[in-house]
Amino acid sequence: MTVPPFVAGSLVDFKLKGVLRMLVELVKDGKLYRAECHVHDGYVLIHGERGSSQVDINGFSISQAAEHALWNLARKGEIDPVD
């Protein structure tokens, strides 16, 4: 199977104490990245092993903002790919 250089999609949405949490994954350069993001007060936050990324929703869908935040972590090497 050939994987395009960038594929993204959210897997699961659920709410916990008023904060939306969502599992997001994307494929970048043939490697799969997966993270849980938190959505609260108009922004999306994702933590990686060596950093975090916060993106204001501001016109994005929640899924798009989450994918963008995860892309930032992967691009900067602040999150490890899934084995």
PDB file of N, CA and C in Angstrom:
ATOM      1  N   MET A   1       0.837  -1.184   0.000  1.00  0.00           N
ATOM      2  CA  MET A   1       0.000   0.000   0.000  1.00  0.00           C
ATOM      3  C   MET A   1       0.879   1.245   0.000  1.00  0.00           C
ATOM      4  N   THR A   2       0.607   2.148  -0.900  1.00  0.00           N
ATOM      5  CA  THR A   2       1.329   3.413  -0.965  1.00  0.00           C
ATOM      6  C   THR A   2       0.580   4.459  -0.154  1.00  0.00           C
ATOM      7  N   VAL A   3       1.295   5.113   0.746  1.00  0.00           N
ATOM      8  CA  VAL A   3       0.684   6.136   1.602  1.00  0.00           C
ATOM      9  C   VAL A   3       1.080   7.498   1.073  1.00  0.00           C
ATOM     10  N   PRO A   4       0.104   8.380   0.832  1.00  0.00           N
ATOM     11  CA  PRO A   4       0.450   9.724   0.390  1.00  0.00           C
ATOM     12  C   PRO A   4       1.279  10.445   1.457  1.00  0.00           C
ATOM     13  N   PRO A   5       2.026  11.494   1.093  1.00  0.00           N
ATOM     14  CA  PRO A   5       2.891  12.156   2.061  1.00  0.00           C
ATOM     15  C   PRO A   5       2.147  12.809   3.221  1.00  0.00           C
ATOM     16  N   PHE A   6       0.871  13.149   3.061  1.00  0.00           N
ATOM     17  CA  PHE A   6       0.109  13.744   4.155  1.00  0.00           C
ATOM     18  C   PHE A   6      -1.327  13.259   4.104  1.00  0.00           C
ATOM     19  N   VAL A   7      -1.715  12.532   5.122  1.00  0.00           N
ATOM     20  CA  VAL A   7      -3.091  12.075   5.278  1.00  0.00           C
ATOM     21  C   VAL A   7      -3.460  12.340   6.722  1.00  0.00           C
ATOM     22  N   ALA A   8      -4.598  12.942   6.953  1.00  0.00           N
ATOM     23  CA  ALA A   8      -4.977  13.247   8.337  1.00  0.00           C
ATOM     24  C   ALA A   8      -6.439  12.926   8.547  1.00  0.00           C
ATOM     25  N   GLY A   9      -6.791  12.658   9.786  1.00  0.00           N
ATOM     26  CA  GLY A   9      -8.188  12.427  10.110  1.00  0.00           C
ATOM     27  C   GLY A   9      -8.376  12.197  11.583  1.00  0.00           C
ATOM     28  N   SER A  10      -9.479  12.688  12.106  1.00  0.00           N
ATOM     29  CA  SER A  10      -9.755  12.481  13.519  1.00  0.00           C
ATOM     30  C   SER A  10     -10.447  11.143  13.683  1.00  0.00           C
ATOM     31  N   LEU A  11     -10.205  10.487  14.794  1.00  0.00           N
ATOM     32  CA  LEU A  11     -10.743   9.158  15.035  1.00  0.00           C
ATOM     33  C   LEU A  11     -11.909   9.152  16.007  1.00  0.00           C
ATOM     34  N   VAL A  12     -11.756   9.838  17.119  1.00  0.00           N
ATOM     35  CA  VAL A  12     -12.733   9.739  18.198  1.00  0.00           C
ATOM     36  C   VAL A  12     -12.932  11.114  18.821  1.00  0.00           C
ATOM     37  N   ASP A  13     -14.164  11.477  19.087  1.00  0.00           N
ATOM     38  CA  ASP A  13     -14.473  12.692  19.837  1.00  0.00           C
ATOM     39  C   ASP A  13     -15.188  12.294  21.110  1.00  0.00           C
ATOM     40  N   PHE A  14     -14.822  12.889  22.219  1.00  0.00           N
ATOM     41  CA  PHE A  14     -15.568  12.674  23.447  1.00  0.00           C
ATOM     42  C   PHE A  14     -15.366  13.860  24.370  1.00  0.00           C
ATOM     43  N   LYS A  15     -16.334  14.088  25.269  1.00  0.00           N
ATOM     44  CA  LYS A  15     -16.264  15.229  26.172  1.00  0.00           C
ATOM     45  C   LYS A  15     -15.976  14.755  27.576  1.00  0.00           C
ATOM     46  N   LEU A  16     -15.168  15.536  28.286  1.00  0.00           N
ATOM     47  CA  LEU A  16     -14.838  15.254  29.664  1.00  0.00           C
ATOM     48  C   LEU A  16     -14.810  16.584  30.404  1.00  0.00           C
ATOM     49  N   LYS A  17     -15.751  16.786  31.290  1.00  0.00           N
ATOM     50  CA  LYS A  17     -15.804  18.003  32.107  1.00  0.00           C
ATOM     51  C   LYS A  17     -15.782  19.262  31.259  1.00  0.00           C
ATOM     52  N   GLY A  18     -16.536  19.287  30.170  1.00  0.00           N
ATOM     53  CA  GLY A  18     -16.649  20.478  29.340  1.00  0.00           C
ATOM     54  C   GLY A  18     -15.506  20.707  28.371  1.00  0.00           C
ATOM     55  N   VAL A  19     -14.506  19.852  28.380  1.00  0.00           N
ATOM     56  CA  VAL A  19     -13.385  19.977  27.448  1.00  0.00           C
ATOM     57  C   VAL A  19     -13.492  18.848  26.438  1.00  0.00           C
ATOM     58  N   LEU A  20     -13.531  19.203  25.167  1.00  0.00           N
ATOM     59  CA  LEU A  20     -13.581  18.195  24.118  1.00  0.00           C
ATOM     60  C   LEU A  20     -12.193  17.607  23.948  1.00  0.00           C
ATOM     61  N   ARG A  21     -12.121  16.291  23.956  1.00  0.00           N
ATOM     62  CA  ARG A  21     -10.858  15.590  23.702  1.00  0.00           C
ATOM     63  C   ARG A  21     -11.041  14.775  22.440  1.00  0.00           C
ATOM     64  N   MET A  22     -10.010  14.742  21.599  1.00  0.00           N
ATOM     65  CA  MET A  22     -10.132  14.080  20.313  1.00  0.00           C
ATOM     66  C   MET A  22      -8.813  13.404  19.981  1.00  0.00           C
ATOM     67  N   LEU A  23      -8.887  12.205  19.473  1.00  0.00           N
ATOM     68  CA  LEU A  23      -7.711  11.490  19.009  1.00  0.00           C
ATOM     69  C   LEU A  23      -7.522  11.812  17.530  1.00  0.00           C
ATOM     70  N   VAL A  24      -6.327  12.243  17.174  1.00  0.00           N
ATOM     71  CA  VAL A  24      -6.035  12.659  15.803  1.00  0.00           C
ATOM     72  C   VAL A  24      -4.817  11.893  15.313  1.00  0.00           C
ATOM     73  N   GLU A  25      -4.831  11.529  14.054  1.00  0.00           N
ATOM     74  CA  GLU A  25      -3.649  10.906  13.475  1.00  0.00           C
ATOM     75  C   GLU A  25      -3.415  11.446  12.075  1.00  0.00           C
ATOM     76  N   LEU A  26      -2.161  11.403  11.654  1.00  0.00           N
ATOM     77  CA  LEU A  26      -1.809  11.805  10.304  1.00  0.00           C
ATOM     78  C   LEU A  26      -0.580  11.018   9.876  1.00  0.00           C
ATOM     79  N   VAL A  27      -0.398  10.947   8.574  1.00  0.00           N
ATOM     80  CA  VAL A  27       0.791  10.313   8.001  1.00  0.00           C
ATOM     81  C   VAL A  27       1.596  11.411   7.335  1.00  0.00           C
ATOM     82  N   LYS A  28       2.849  11.528   7.749  1.00  0.00           N
ATOM     83  CA  LYS A  28       3.756  12.514   7.177  1.00  0.00           C
ATOM     84  C   LYS A  28       5.037  11.787   6.794  1.00  0.00           C
ATOM     85  N   ASP A  29       5.433  11.910   5.551  1.00  0.00           N
ATOM     86  CA  ASP A  29       6.645  11.256   5.040  1.00  0.00           C
ATOM     87  C   ASP A  29       6.623   9.751   5.296  1.00  0.00           C
ATOM     88  N   GLY A  30       5.444   9.139   5.169  1.00  0.00           N
ATOM     89  CA  GLY A  30       5.307   7.697   5.330  1.00  0.00           C
ATOM     90  C   GLY A  30       5.271   7.211   6.770  1.00  0.00           C
ATOM     91  N   LYS A  31       5.287   8.125   7.743  1.00  0.00           N
ATOM     92  CA  LYS A  31       5.245   7.746   9.151  1.00  0.00           C
ATOM     93  C   LYS A  31       3.914   8.182   9.770  1.00  0.00           C
ATOM     94  N   LEU A  32       3.360   7.304  10.602  1.00  0.00           N
ATOM     95  CA  LEU A  32       2.086   7.576  11.260  1.00  0.00           C
ATOM     96  C   LEU A  32       2.326   8.279  12.591  1.00  0.00           C
ATOM     97  N   TYR A  33       1.627   9.388  12.792  1.00  0.00           N
ATOM     98  CA  TYR A  33       1.672  10.133  14.047  1.00  0.00           C
ATOM     99  C   TYR A  33       0.267  10.128  14.637  1.00  0.00           C
ATOM    100  N   ARG A  34       0.180   9.953  15.953  1.00  0.00           N
ATOM    101  CA  ARG A  34      -1.122   9.911  16.628  1.00  0.00           C
ATOM    102  C   ARG A  34      -0.991  10.647  17.956  1.00  0.00           C
ATOM    103  N   ALA A  35      -2.009  11.439  18.295  1.00  0.00           N
ATOM    104  CA  ALA A  35      -1.987  12.170  19.558  1.00  0.00           C
ATOM    105  C   ALA A  35      -3.413  12.492  19.983  1.00  0.00           C
ATOM    106  N   GLU A  36      -3.565  12.713  21.259  1.00  0.00           N
ATOM    107  CA  GLU A  36      -4.840  13.187  21.805  1.00  0.00           C
ATOM    108  C   GLU A  36      -4.756  14.700  21.907  1.00  0.00           C
ATOM    109  N   CYS A  37      -5.791  15.368  21.440  1.00  0.00           N
ATOM    110  CA  CYS A  37      -5.802  16.821  21.553  1.00  0.00           C
ATOM    111  C   CYS A  37      -6.944  17.235  22.475  1.00  0.00           C
ATOM    112  N   HIS A  38      -6.802  18.410  23.005  1.00  0.00           N
ATOM    113  CA  HIS A  38      -7.796  18.982  23.905  1.00  0.00           C
ATOM    114  C   HIS A  38      -8.299  20.271  23.271  1.00  0.00           C
ATOM    115  N   VAL A  39      -9.611  20.443  23.262  1.00  0.00           N
ATOM    116  CA  VAL A  39     -10.223  21.631  22.689  1.00  0.00           C
ATOM    117  C   VAL A  39     -10.929  22.373  23.811  1.00  0.00           C
ATOM    118  N   HIS A  40     -10.537  23.625  24.018  1.00  0.00           N
ATOM    119  CA  HIS A  40     -11.132  24.410  25.091  1.00  0.00           C
ATOM    120  C   HIS A  40     -10.977  25.896  24.785  1.00  0.00           C
ATOM    121  N   ASP A  41     -12.035  26.647  24.981  1.00  0.00           N
ATOM    122  CA  ASP A  41     -12.013  28.109  24.824  1.00  0.00           C
ATOM    123  C   ASP A  41     -11.454  28.573  23.488  1.00  0.00           C
ATOM    124  N   GLY A  42     -11.813  27.892  22.407  1.00  0.00           N
ATOM    125  CA  GLY A  42     -11.446  28.359  21.080  1.00  0.00           C
ATOM    126  C   GLY A  42     -10.066  27.979  20.587  1.00  0.00           C
ATOM    127  N   TYR A  43      -9.402  27.066  21.265  1.00  0.00           N
ATOM    128  CA  TYR A  43      -8.108  26.616  20.772  1.00  0.00           C
ATOM    129  C   TYR A  43      -7.965  25.108  20.941  1.00  0.00           C
ATOM    130  N   VAL A  44      -7.042  24.544  20.188  1.00  0.00           N
ATOM    131  CA  VAL A  44      -6.716  23.117  20.223  1.00  0.00           C
ATOM    132  C   VAL A  44      -5.294  22.998  20.751  1.00  0.00           C
ATOM    133  N   LEU A  45      -5.075  22.071  21.670  1.00  0.00           N
ATOM    134  CA  LEU A  45      -3.756  21.858  22.254  1.00  0.00           C
ATOM    135  C   LEU A  45      -3.389  20.389  22.144  1.00  0.00           C
ATOM    136  N   ILE A  46      -2.176  20.123  21.631  1.00  0.00           N
ATOM    137  CA  ILE A  46      -1.653  18.760  21.535  1.00  0.00           C
ATOM    138  C   ILE A  46      -0.271  18.743  22.167  1.00  0.00           C
ATOM    139  N   HIS A  47      -0.031  17.735  22.996  1.00  0.00           N
ATOM    140  CA  HIS A  47       1.273  17.561  23.620  1.00  0.00           C
ATOM    141  C   HIS A  47       2.017  16.428  22.926  1.00  0.00           C
ATOM    142  N   GLY A  48       3.291  16.657  22.631  1.00  0.00           N
ATOM    143  CA  GLY A  48       4.169  15.628  22.097  1.00  0.00           C
ATOM    144  C   GLY A  48       5.190  15.246  23.149  1.00  0.00           C
ATOM    145  N   GLU A  49       6.101  14.374  22.788  1.00  0.00           N
ATOM    146  CA  GLU A  49       7.122  13.936  23.732  1.00  0.00           C
ATOM    147  C   GLU A  49       8.097  15.060  24.096  1.00  0.00           C
ATOM    148  N   ARG A  50       8.337  15.980  23.173  1.00  0.00           N
ATOM    149  CA  ARG A  50       9.319  17.031  23.404  1.00  0.00           C
ATOM    150  C   ARG A  50       8.763  18.435  23.235  1.00  0.00           C
ATOM    151  N   GLY A  51       7.464  18.588  23.254  1.00  0.00           N
ATOM    152  CA  GLY A  51       6.884  19.920  23.105  1.00  0.00           C
ATOM    153  C   GLY A  51       5.384  19.843  22.959  1.00  0.00           C
ATOM    154  N   SER A  52       4.774  20.989  22.727  1.00  0.00           N
ATOM    155  CA  SER A  52       3.327  21.031  22.516  1.00  0.00           C
ATOM    156  C   SER A  52       3.026  22.055  21.430  1.00  0.00           C
ATOM    157  N   SER A  53       1.832  21.952  20.884  1.00  0.00           N
ATOM    158  CA  SER A  53       1.402  22.857  19.829  1.00  0.00           C
ATOM    159  C   SER A  53      -0.011  23.309  20.130  1.00  0.00           C
ATOM    160  N   GLN A  54      -0.223  24.610  20.068  1.00  0.00           N
ATOM    161  CA  GLN A  54      -1.550  25.178  20.303  1.00  0.00           C
ATOM    162  C   GLN A  54      -1.963  25.945  19.063  1.00  0.00           C
ATOM    163  N   VAL A  55      -3.190  25.700  18.596  1.00  0.00           N
ATOM    164  CA  VAL A  55      -3.699  26.368  17.394  1.00  0.00           C
ATOM    165  C   VAL A  55      -5.063  26.964  17.717  1.00  0.00           C
ATOM    166  N   ASP A  56      -5.239  28.249  17.418  1.00  0.00           N
ATOM    167  CA  ASP A  56      -6.552  28.877  17.563  1.00  0.00           C
ATOM    168  C   ASP A  56      -7.471  28.318  16.490  1.00  0.00           C
ATOM    169  N   ILE A  57      -8.697  27.998  16.871  1.00  0.00           N
ATOM    170  CA  ILE A  57      -9.653  27.444  15.908  1.00  0.00           C
ATOM    171  C   ILE A  57      -9.993  28.509  14.866  1.00  0.00           C
ATOM    172  N   ASN A  58     -10.409  29.677  15.267  1.00  0.00           N
ATOM    173  CA  ASN A  58     -10.538  30.871  14.435  1.00  0.00           C
ATOM    174  C   ASN A  58     -10.797  30.603  12.948  1.00  0.00           C
ATOM    175  N   GLY A  59     -11.922  29.989  12.613  1.00  0.00           N
ATOM    176  CA  GLY A  59     -12.279  29.735  11.223  1.00  0.00           C
ATOM    177  C   GLY A  59     -11.996  28.325  10.749  1.00  0.00           C
ATOM    178  N   PHE A  60     -11.109  27.600  11.434  1.00  0.00           N
ATOM    179  CA  PHE A  60     -10.875  26.195  11.128  1.00  0.00           C
ATOM    180  C   PHE A  60     -12.008  25.365  11.724  1.00  0.00           C
ATOM    181  N   SER A  61     -12.222  24.178  11.190  1.00  0.00           N
ATOM    182  CA  SER A  61     -13.024  23.208  11.934  1.00  0.00           C
ATOM    183  C   SER A  61     -12.115  22.684  13.042  1.00  0.00           C
ATOM    184  N   ILE A  62     -12.694  22.087  14.070  1.00  0.00           N
ATOM    185  CA  ILE A  62     -11.891  21.528  15.157  1.00  0.00           C
ATOM    186  C   ILE A  62     -10.926  20.489  14.616  1.00  0.00           C
ATOM    187  N   SER A  63     -11.400  19.651  13.708  1.00  0.00           N
ATOM    188  CA  SER A  63     -10.561  18.613  13.122  1.00  0.00           C
ATOM    189  C   SER A  63      -9.386  19.218  12.354  1.00  0.00           C
ATOM    190  N   GLN A  64      -9.626  20.258  11.586  1.00  0.00           N
ATOM    191  CA  GLN A  64      -8.552  20.905  10.829  1.00  0.00           C
ATOM    192  C   GLN A  64      -7.512  21.523  11.758  1.00  0.00           C
ATOM    193  N   ALA A  65      -7.975  22.175  12.826  1.00  0.00           N
ATOM    194  CA  ALA A  65      -7.049  22.786  13.782  1.00  0.00           C
ATOM    195  C   ALA A  65      -6.206  21.711  14.473  1.00  0.00           C
ATOM    196  N   ALA A  66      -6.831  20.591  14.823  1.00  0.00           N
ATOM    197  CA  ALA A  66      -6.111  19.494  15.478  1.00  0.00           C
ATOM    198  C   ALA A  66      -5.066  18.899  14.537  1.00  0.00           C
ATOM    199  N   GLU A  67      -5.432  18.696  13.284  1.00  0.00           N
ATOM    200  CA  GLU A  67      -4.493  18.166  12.302  1.00  0.00           C
ATOM    201  C   GLU A  67      -3.323  19.126  12.103  1.00  0.00           C
ATOM    202  N   HIS A  68      -3.608  20.409  12.082  1.00  0.00           N
ATOM    203  CA  HIS A  68      -2.558  21.419  11.917  1.00  0.00           C
ATOM    204  C   HIS A  68      -1.600  21.405  13.117  1.00  0.00           C
ATOM    205  N   ALA A  69      -2.152  21.297  14.325  1.00  0.00           N
ATOM    206  CA  ALA A  69      -1.322  21.248  15.531  1.00  0.00           C
ATOM    207  C   ALA A  69      -0.425  20.006  15.522  1.00  0.00           C
ATOM    208  N   LEU A  70      -0.984  18.861  15.134  1.00  0.00           N
ATOM    209  CA  LEU A  70      -0.193  17.631  15.076  1.00  0.00           C
ATOM    210  C   LEU A  70       0.867  17.724  13.978  1.00  0.00           C
ATOM    211  N   TRP A  71       0.520  18.305  12.857  1.00  0.00           N
ATOM    212  CA  TRP A  71       1.476  18.511  11.764  1.00  0.00           C
ATOM    213  C   TRP A  71       2.655  19.354  12.255  1.00  0.00           C
ATOM    214  N   ASN A  72       2.361  20.418  13.035  1.00  0.00           N
ATOM    215  CA  ASN A  72       3.432  21.267  13.573  1.00  0.00           C
ATOM    216  C   ASN A  72       4.389  20.463  14.445  1.00  0.00           C
ATOM    217  N   LEU A  73       3.834  19.612  15.322  1.00  0.00           N
ATOM    218  CA  LEU A  73       4.688  18.788  16.187  1.00  0.00           C
ATOM    219  C   LEU A  73       5.555  17.833  15.370  1.00  0.00           C
ATOM    220  N   ALA A  74       4.952  17.189  14.382  1.00  0.00           N
ATOM    221  CA  ALA A  74       5.695  16.242  13.548  1.00  0.00           C
ATOM    222  C   ALA A  74       6.782  16.959  12.746  1.00  0.00           C
ATOM    223  N   ARG A  75       6.456  18.114  12.210  1.00  0.00           N
ATOM    224  CA  ARG A  75       7.407  18.889  11.400  1.00  0.00           C
ATOM    225  C   ARG A  75       8.624  19.305  12.228  1.00  0.00           C
ATOM    226  N   LYS A  76       8.395  19.682  13.495  1.00  0.00           N
ATOM    227  CA  LYS A  76       9.481  20.130  14.371  1.00  0.00           C
ATOM    228  C   LYS A  76      10.183  18.989  15.102  1.00  0.00           C
ATOM    229  N   GLY A  77       9.709  17.751  14.897  1.00  0.00           N
ATOM    230  CA  GLY A  77      10.329  16.605  15.559  1.00  0.00           C
ATOM    231  C   GLY A  77      10.027  16.531  17.045  1.00  0.00           C
ATOM    232  N   GLU A  78       8.920  17.116  17.458  1.00  0.00           N
ATOM    233  CA  GLU A  78       8.566  17.158  18.873  1.00  0.00           C
ATOM    234  C   GLU A  78       7.617  16.029  19.278  1.00  0.00           C
ATOM    235  N   ILE A  79       7.293  15.148  18.341  1.00  0.00           N
ATOM    236  CA  ILE A  79       6.465  13.986  18.627  1.00  0.00           C
ATOM    237  C   ILE A  79       7.045  12.808  17.851  1.00  0.00           C
ATOM    238  N   ASP A  80       7.035  11.651  18.459  1.00  0.00           N
ATOM    239  CA  ASP A  80       7.568  10.449  17.811  1.00  0.00           C
ATOM    240  C   ASP A  80       6.467   9.749  17.011  1.00  0.00           C
ATOM    241  N   PRO A  81       6.827   9.160  15.866  1.00  0.00           N
ATOM    242  CA  PRO A  81       5.835   8.399  15.106  1.00  0.00           C
ATOM    243  C   PRO A  81       5.433   7.139  15.866  1.00  0.00           C
ATOM    244  N   VAL A  82       4.254   6.639  15.530  1.00  0.00           N
ATOM    245  CA  VAL A  82       3.767   5.383  16.102  1.00  0.00           C
ATOM    246  C   VAL A  82       4.607   4.265  15.508  1.00  0.00           C
ATOM    247  N   ASP A  83       4.995   3.302  16.322  1.00  0.00           N
ATOM    248  CA  ASP A  83       5.813   2.186  15.840  1.00  0.00           C
ATOM    249  C   ASP A  83       5.034   1.257  14.942  1.00  0.00           C
TER     250      ASP A  83
END
